[in-house]
Protein backbone atom coordinates (compact mmCIF):
# COMPACT_ATOMS: atom_id res chain seq x y z
CA MET A 1 -27.51 -11.72 11.21
CA PRO A 2 -23.88 -10.67 10.51
CA THR A 3 -21.51 -10.81 13.46
CA VAL A 4 -18.44 -8.62 14.02
CA PHE A 5 -15.39 -10.12 15.73
CA VAL A 6 -12.72 -7.81 17.12
CA GLU A 7 -9.33 -9.20 18.16
CA LYS A 8 -8.88 -6.39 20.63
CA ASP A 9 -5.22 -6.94 21.46
CA ARG A 10 -4.26 -6.45 17.79
CA CYS A 11 -6.02 -3.08 17.68
CA LYS A 12 -4.09 0.21 17.91
CA GLY A 13 -7.18 2.34 18.39
CA CYS A 14 -7.00 4.20 15.07
CA THR A 15 -10.84 4.46 14.85
CA LEU A 16 -10.85 4.00 11.05
CA CYS A 17 -13.38 1.18 11.38
CA VAL A 18 -15.71 3.37 13.45
CA GLU A 19 -15.48 6.18 10.91
CA ILE A 20 -16.15 3.96 7.89
CA CYS A 21 -19.10 1.97 9.27
CA PRO A 22 -22.17 3.24 7.36
CA HIS A 23 -24.60 2.27 10.12
CA GLY A 24 -22.75 3.28 13.29
CA VAL A 25 -22.41 -0.32 14.42
CA LEU A 26 -18.97 0.15 15.95
CA GLU A 27 -17.93 2.36 18.83
CA MET A 28 -14.70 2.69 20.77
CA SER A 29 -14.59 0.97 24.14
CA LYS A 30 -13.70 2.89 27.27
CA GLU A 31 -11.40 0.04 28.20
CA ILE A 32 -7.86 -0.41 26.95
CA ASN A 33 -6.23 -3.51 25.54
CA ALA A 34 -2.94 -5.16 26.49
CA LYS A 35 -1.01 -2.60 24.43
CA GLY A 36 -2.73 0.39 26.03
CA TYR A 37 -5.10 1.26 23.19
CA PHE A 38 -8.83 1.77 23.19
CA PHE A 39 -10.51 -0.71 20.85
CA PRO A 40 -13.81 -0.95 18.94
CA PHE A 41 -16.79 -3.12 19.77
CA ALA A 42 -20.18 -3.73 18.16
CA ALA A 43 -22.38 -1.30 20.09
CA LYS A 44 -25.31 -1.82 17.68
CA PRO A 45 -24.89 -5.39 16.44
CA ASP A 46 -28.42 -5.54 15.03
CA GLU A 47 -27.58 -2.72 12.62
CA CYS A 48 -24.74 -4.61 10.92
CA THR A 49 -25.39 -5.43 7.26
CA GLY A 50 -22.19 -7.39 6.71
CA CYS A 51 -20.64 -4.88 4.30
CA ARG A 52 -17.18 -5.66 5.74
CA ASN A 53 -15.96 -2.11 5.28
CA CYS A 54 -14.42 -2.40 8.73
CA VAL A 55 -12.48 -5.49 7.67
CA MET A 56 -11.09 -3.74 4.60
CA VAL A 57 -9.99 -0.58 6.37
CA CYS A 58 -8.38 -2.14 9.46
CA PRO A 59 -4.59 -1.72 9.18
CA ASP A 60 -3.95 -4.38 11.81
CA CYS A 61 -6.28 -7.16 10.57
CA ALA A 62 -7.98 -6.97 13.95
CA ILE A 63 -11.57 -7.26 12.65
CA GLN A 64 -13.40 -10.08 10.90
CA VAL A 65 -17.10 -10.35 10.04
CA GLU A 66 -19.26 -13.45 9.74
CA VAL A 67 -22.06 -13.35 7.17
CA LYS A 68 -24.35 -16.36 6.71
CA GLY A 69 -21.86 -18.67 8.36
CA LYS A 70 -18.91 -17.46 6.29
CA VAL A 71 -16.22 -15.59 8.21
CA SER A 72 -13.79 -13.25 6.47
CA GLU A 73 -10.30 -14.67 6.78
CA ARG A 74 -6.79 -13.36 7.18
CA PRO A 75 -4.90 -14.01 3.90
CA LYS A 76 -2.62 -17.05 4.08
CA ALA A 77 0.22 -15.04 2.54
CA LEU A 78 0.01 -12.56 5.42
CA ALA A 79 1.90 -13.62 8.55
CA GLU A 80 0.22 -13.65 11.95
CA LYS A 81 2.77 -11.24 13.40
CA GLN A 82 1.51 -7.86 14.60
CA VAL A 83 2.73 -5.07 12.32
CA HIS A 84 4.85 -2.32 13.88
CA TYR A 85 3.30 0.60 12.00
CA CYS A 86 1.81 3.62 13.75
CA PRO A 87 -1.96 3.64 14.46
CA GLY A 88 -3.92 4.24 11.28
CA CYS A 89 -0.98 3.81 8.91
CA HIS A 90 -2.19 2.44 5.59
CA HIS A 91 0.78 0.07 5.21
CA GLY A 92 -1.23 -2.62 6.99
CA ILE A 93 -4.10 -2.28 4.51
CA ILE A 94 -1.74 -2.46 1.54
CA HIS A 95 0.02 -5.51 3.01
CA ARG A 96 -3.32 -7.26 3.17
CA LEU A 97 -4.15 -6.42 -0.44
CA VAL A 98 -0.80 -7.76 -1.65
CA ALA A 99 -1.31 -10.95 0.35
CA GLU A 100 -4.85 -11.36 -1.01
CA ALA A 101 -3.55 -11.05 -4.57
CA ILE A 102 -0.93 -13.72 -3.89
CA ASP A 103 -3.57 -16.01 -2.38
CA SER A 104 -6.10 -15.52 -5.16
CA LEU A 105 -3.53 -16.34 -7.86
CA GLY A 106 -2.21 -19.37 -5.98
CA ILE A 107 1.41 -18.19 -6.20
CA GLN A 108 2.47 -18.15 -2.54
CA GLU A 109 5.03 -20.96 -2.86
CA LYS A 110 6.90 -19.28 -5.72
CA THR A 111 6.63 -15.62 -4.69
CA VAL A 112 9.68 -13.67 -3.56
CA GLY A 113 9.38 -10.19 -2.05
CA VAL A 114 12.04 -7.52 -1.64
CA ALA A 115 11.83 -5.27 1.42
CA PRO A 116 13.36 -1.77 1.34
CA VAL A 117 14.71 0.70 3.87
CA GLY A 118 11.98 2.86 5.35
CA CYS A 119 8.84 2.30 7.41
CA SER A 120 8.32 -1.06 5.68
CA VAL A 121 11.87 -2.23 6.38
CA LEU A 122 10.43 -5.13 8.40
CA ALA A 123 8.08 -6.28 5.62
CA TYR A 124 9.97 -9.57 5.55
CA ASP A 125 8.26 -10.38 8.87
CA TYR A 126 4.76 -9.78 7.54
CA PHE A 127 4.50 -11.90 4.39
CA ASN A 128 4.44 -15.69 4.32
CA VAL A 129 6.67 -15.82 1.26
CA ASP A 130 10.42 -15.79 0.71
CA MET A 131 11.78 -12.29 1.31
CA HIS A 132 15.05 -10.45 0.67
CA GLU A 133 16.25 -7.21 2.27
CA ALA A 134 17.68 -4.55 -0.06
CA SER A 135 19.89 -1.56 0.59
CA HIS A 136 18.12 1.80 0.52
CA GLY A 137 16.57 2.33 -2.92
CA ARG A 138 18.05 -0.81 -4.43
CA ALA A 139 14.99 -3.07 -4.33
CA PRO A 140 14.42 -3.00 -8.13
CA ALA A 141 18.04 -4.05 -8.70
CA VAL A 142 17.73 -6.92 -6.21
CA ALA A 143 14.37 -7.91 -7.69
CA THR A 144 15.93 -7.89 -11.18
CA GLY A 145 18.69 -10.24 -10.05
CA ILE A 146 16.20 -12.65 -8.49
CA LYS A 147 13.88 -12.65 -11.50
CA ARG A 148 16.65 -13.12 -14.04
CA SER A 149 18.25 -15.97 -12.11
CA ARG A 150 14.93 -17.59 -11.19
CA PRO A 151 12.45 -16.53 -13.90
CA GLU A 152 9.86 -19.01 -12.64
CA CYS A 153 9.53 -16.97 -9.42
CA ILE A 154 7.01 -14.17 -8.97
CA VAL A 155 9.06 -11.25 -7.68
CA PHE A 156 7.80 -8.02 -6.13
CA SER A 157 9.33 -5.04 -4.38
CA TYR A 158 7.49 -3.04 -1.74
CA GLN A 159 8.85 0.51 -1.46
CA GLY A 160 8.09 3.91 0.03
CA ASP A 161 8.48 7.27 -1.69
CA GLY A 162 11.84 8.20 -0.17
CA ASP A 163 13.24 4.78 -1.00
CA LEU A 164 11.83 4.55 -4.53
CA ALA A 165 11.60 8.15 -5.79
CA SER A 166 14.71 9.61 -4.15
CA ILE A 167 17.72 7.40 -3.53
CA GLY A 168 16.21 4.64 -5.67
CA MET A 169 15.13 6.73 -8.66
CA CYS A 170 17.90 5.34 -10.89
CA GLU A 171 17.01 1.71 -10.17
CA THR A 172 13.30 2.46 -10.55
CA VAL A 173 13.56 4.13 -13.95
CA HIS A 174 16.00 1.69 -15.47
CA ALA A 175 14.19 -1.45 -14.25
CA ALA A 176 11.02 -0.07 -15.83
CA ASN A 177 12.81 0.95 -19.00
CA ARG A 178 14.33 -2.52 -19.38
CA GLY A 179 10.91 -4.04 -18.89
CA GLU A 180 11.99 -6.32 -16.06
CA LYS A 181 9.07 -8.65 -15.45
CA ILE A 182 8.67 -7.73 -11.79
CA THR A 183 5.88 -6.12 -9.79
CA VAL A 184 6.61 -2.90 -7.90
CA ILE A 185 4.31 -1.74 -5.09
CA PHE A 186 5.05 1.94 -4.48
CA VAL A 187 3.59 3.42 -1.28
CA ASN A 188 3.36 7.20 -1.61
CA ASN A 189 2.63 8.99 1.67
CA ALA A 190 4.34 12.23 0.60
CA ILE A 191 6.89 12.23 3.43
CA TYR A 192 9.84 10.42 4.96
CA GLY A 193 8.05 8.55 7.74
CA MET A 194 10.62 6.40 9.52
CA THR A 195 13.39 8.98 9.80
CA GLY A 196 11.40 11.88 11.23
CA GLY A 197 8.94 13.38 8.79
CA GLN A 198 11.33 15.12 6.39
CA MET A 199 10.30 16.44 2.98
CA ALA A 200 10.27 13.71 0.33
CA PRO A 201 10.31 13.95 -3.48
CA THR A 202 6.54 13.51 -3.31
CA THR A 203 5.77 16.10 -0.58
CA LEU A 204 3.07 18.42 -1.91
CA PRO A 205 3.57 22.15 -2.59
CA GLY A 206 3.05 24.00 0.67
CA GLN A 207 2.94 20.78 2.70
CA VAL A 208 4.68 21.08 6.06
CA ALA A 209 7.49 18.69 6.97
CA THR A 210 10.26 18.77 9.55
CA THR A 211 12.72 20.04 6.94
CA CYS A 212 10.26 22.57 5.51
CA PRO A 213 8.32 23.85 8.54
CA TYR A 214 6.73 26.63 6.46
CA GLY A 215 5.69 24.21 3.72
CA ARG A 216 7.41 22.96 0.57
CA ASP A 217 8.63 25.92 -1.45
CA VAL A 218 8.64 24.83 -5.09
CA ASN A 219 11.01 27.68 -5.95
CA LEU A 220 13.63 26.03 -3.77
CA ALA A 221 12.74 22.32 -3.89
CA GLY A 222 10.95 21.99 -7.20
CA TYR A 223 7.60 20.33 -7.66
CA PRO A 224 6.67 16.87 -6.33
CA ILE A 225 7.54 14.05 -8.72
CA ARG A 226 4.62 12.17 -10.22
CA MET A 227 6.19 8.75 -10.60
CA SER A 228 3.35 7.08 -12.49
CA GLU A 229 3.26 9.86 -15.06
CA LEU A 230 7.04 9.78 -15.38
CA LEU A 231 7.23 6.03 -15.98
CA LYS A 232 4.34 5.95 -18.42
CA GLU A 233 6.42 7.97 -20.87
CA LEU A 234 8.80 5.03 -21.29
CA LYS A 235 8.12 2.99 -24.42
CA THR A 236 8.64 -0.40 -22.80
CA PRO A 237 5.27 -2.14 -22.37
CA ALA A 238 4.15 -1.94 -18.77
CA TYR A 239 1.16 -1.82 -16.47
CA ILE A 240 1.16 1.42 -14.49
CA ALA A 241 -1.64 2.46 -12.17
CA ARG A 242 -2.22 4.79 -9.24
CA VAL A 243 -4.70 3.79 -6.55
CA ALA A 244 -5.55 4.77 -2.96
CA VAL A 245 -6.91 3.07 0.15
CA TYR A 246 -8.72 5.82 2.07
CA ASP A 247 -12.22 4.29 1.85
CA ALA A 248 -13.98 1.07 0.87
CA LYS A 249 -14.38 2.01 -2.81
CA THR A 250 -10.73 2.91 -3.31
CA ILE A 251 -9.60 -0.21 -1.42
CA VAL A 252 -11.60 -2.41 -3.79
CA GLN A 253 -10.09 -0.60 -6.79
CA ALA A 254 -6.60 -0.98 -5.30
CA LYS A 255 -7.18 -4.69 -4.74
CA LEU A 256 -8.12 -5.19 -8.39
CA ALA A 257 -5.10 -3.24 -9.65
CA ILE A 258 -2.63 -5.08 -7.42
CA LYS A 259 -4.00 -8.45 -8.47
CA LYS A 260 -3.81 -7.41 -12.13
CA ALA A 261 -0.17 -6.37 -11.67
CA PHE A 262 0.75 -9.77 -10.24
CA ASP A 263 -1.29 -11.55 -12.91
CA TYR A 264 0.65 -9.81 -15.68
CA GLN A 265 3.84 -11.21 -14.17
CA VAL A 266 2.33 -14.68 -13.83
CA LYS A 267 1.55 -14.52 -17.55
CA GLY A 268 5.02 -13.18 -18.35
CA VAL A 269 3.62 -10.04 -19.93
CA CYS A 270 5.37 -7.00 -18.50
CA TYR A 271 6.84 -4.84 -15.76
CA SER A 272 4.09 -3.56 -13.46
CA PHE A 273 4.08 -0.50 -11.20
CA ILE A 274 1.30 0.19 -8.69
CA GLU A 275 1.44 3.51 -6.87
CA VAL A 276 -0.69 3.54 -3.72
CA LEU A 277 -1.54 6.88 -2.09
CA SER A 278 -1.19 6.35 1.63
CA THR A 279 -1.21 8.23 4.93
CA CYS A 280 1.36 9.06 7.58
CA PRO A 281 -0.80 10.25 10.48
CA THR A 282 2.20 10.61 12.79
CA GLY A 283 4.39 12.46 10.29
CA TRP A 284 1.51 14.66 9.19
CA GLY A 285 0.39 15.39 12.78
CA MET A 286 -3.18 14.22 12.13
CA THR A 287 -5.62 11.68 13.49
CA PRO A 288 -5.95 8.59 11.26
CA PRO A 289 -9.46 9.56 10.03
CA ASP A 290 -8.32 13.12 9.24
CA ALA A 291 -5.25 11.76 7.44
CA SER A 292 -7.45 9.53 5.25
CA LYS A 293 -9.61 12.53 4.37
CA TRP A 294 -6.46 14.55 3.60
CA VAL A 295 -5.41 11.99 1.02
CA GLU A 296 -8.72 12.41 -0.78
CA SER A 297 -8.86 16.20 -0.60
CA ASN A 298 -5.17 17.06 -1.12
CA MET A 299 -3.20 14.17 -2.62
CA VAL A 300 -5.71 12.90 -5.19
CA PRO A 301 -6.03 16.30 -6.95
CA TYR A 302 -2.24 16.37 -7.47
CA TYR A 303 -1.83 12.61 -7.93
CA PRO A 304 -4.95 11.58 -9.92
CA LEU A 305 -6.04 7.96 -9.65
CA GLY A 306 -6.34 5.59 -12.58
CA GLU A 307 -4.45 3.44 -15.08
CA PHE A 308 -1.70 5.26 -16.92
CA LYS A 309 -0.51 2.37 -19.06
CA ASN A 310 -2.15 -0.94 -19.78
CA PRO A 311 -0.68 -3.57 -22.13
CA ASP A 312 -4.19 -4.73 -23.01
CA LYS A 313 -5.02 -1.26 -24.29
CA GLY A 314 -2.24 -0.73 -26.76
CA VAL A 315 0.98 -2.68 -26.31
CA VAL A 316 4.06 -1.10 -27.83
CA LYS A 317 5.44 -3.49 -30.41
CA GLU A 318 9.03 -4.65 -30.10
CA THR A 319 9.93 -2.99 -33.42
CA GLU A 320 8.60 0.36 -32.20
CA ARG A 321 10.98 0.66 -29.26
């Protein structure tokens, strides 16, 4: 029988695991942990089928499941340190997927990450790889310098929408256009999270933010920028995909895309750009489960998921540039 293990003091009480469990195995305890959060426990252990949905959706890596003697493990490329993100923030899920890709490709010892300014400014604490800090928006430029000076390294940047699509738009577009063989993980939560919930280049039409309390007015601020669609128009061969992590199915799809992006760099093929639709429960003023549902019902229609450019499905020849 599968067994669920909850490291209660890692939990921030987001309830995403309770919401995603298809058999109602998990419930929230009436006790609080050392950090003052309620935490889940297996109220119906006999109902567990070992699907590990709870493992995939936990932003704090606080849950593991044993099935037939095999326990799900924390990725080796993911540090043991507790992440600082708000309860239910998808950054923790995306961190895990990046670390799993690094582990599965066996590239931990030669991987270098570039952390930005924004909610993920402390990403250098969370990955067991060499990390550099970049000025706001400049991660692609820093990543370019690392890759060109040490081409044997696997280099990735991890950036939010304000960092990448606003102040860093120039670096983003030109690194892609040059075809720098780096991997860019772009976390799009449609808002400036760290600095107070201001409108970002990706904030949806009508979406409320602290700087647009009546909702984004496209007549004043223009329409949200679709970064994946913008970059796919460049002729330089690249892998460009948009994924999400609001449920088990989308998390699996995101995992495959992120691994593919790193694998293209391992093989020296191309620049890769993975846009991940994410939540900001605090900035949006929603519970974590409601925020995940909001991604599906509001963000996905404007930011459709899928591959926008794939070098295996029609590479642009050098002479055609």
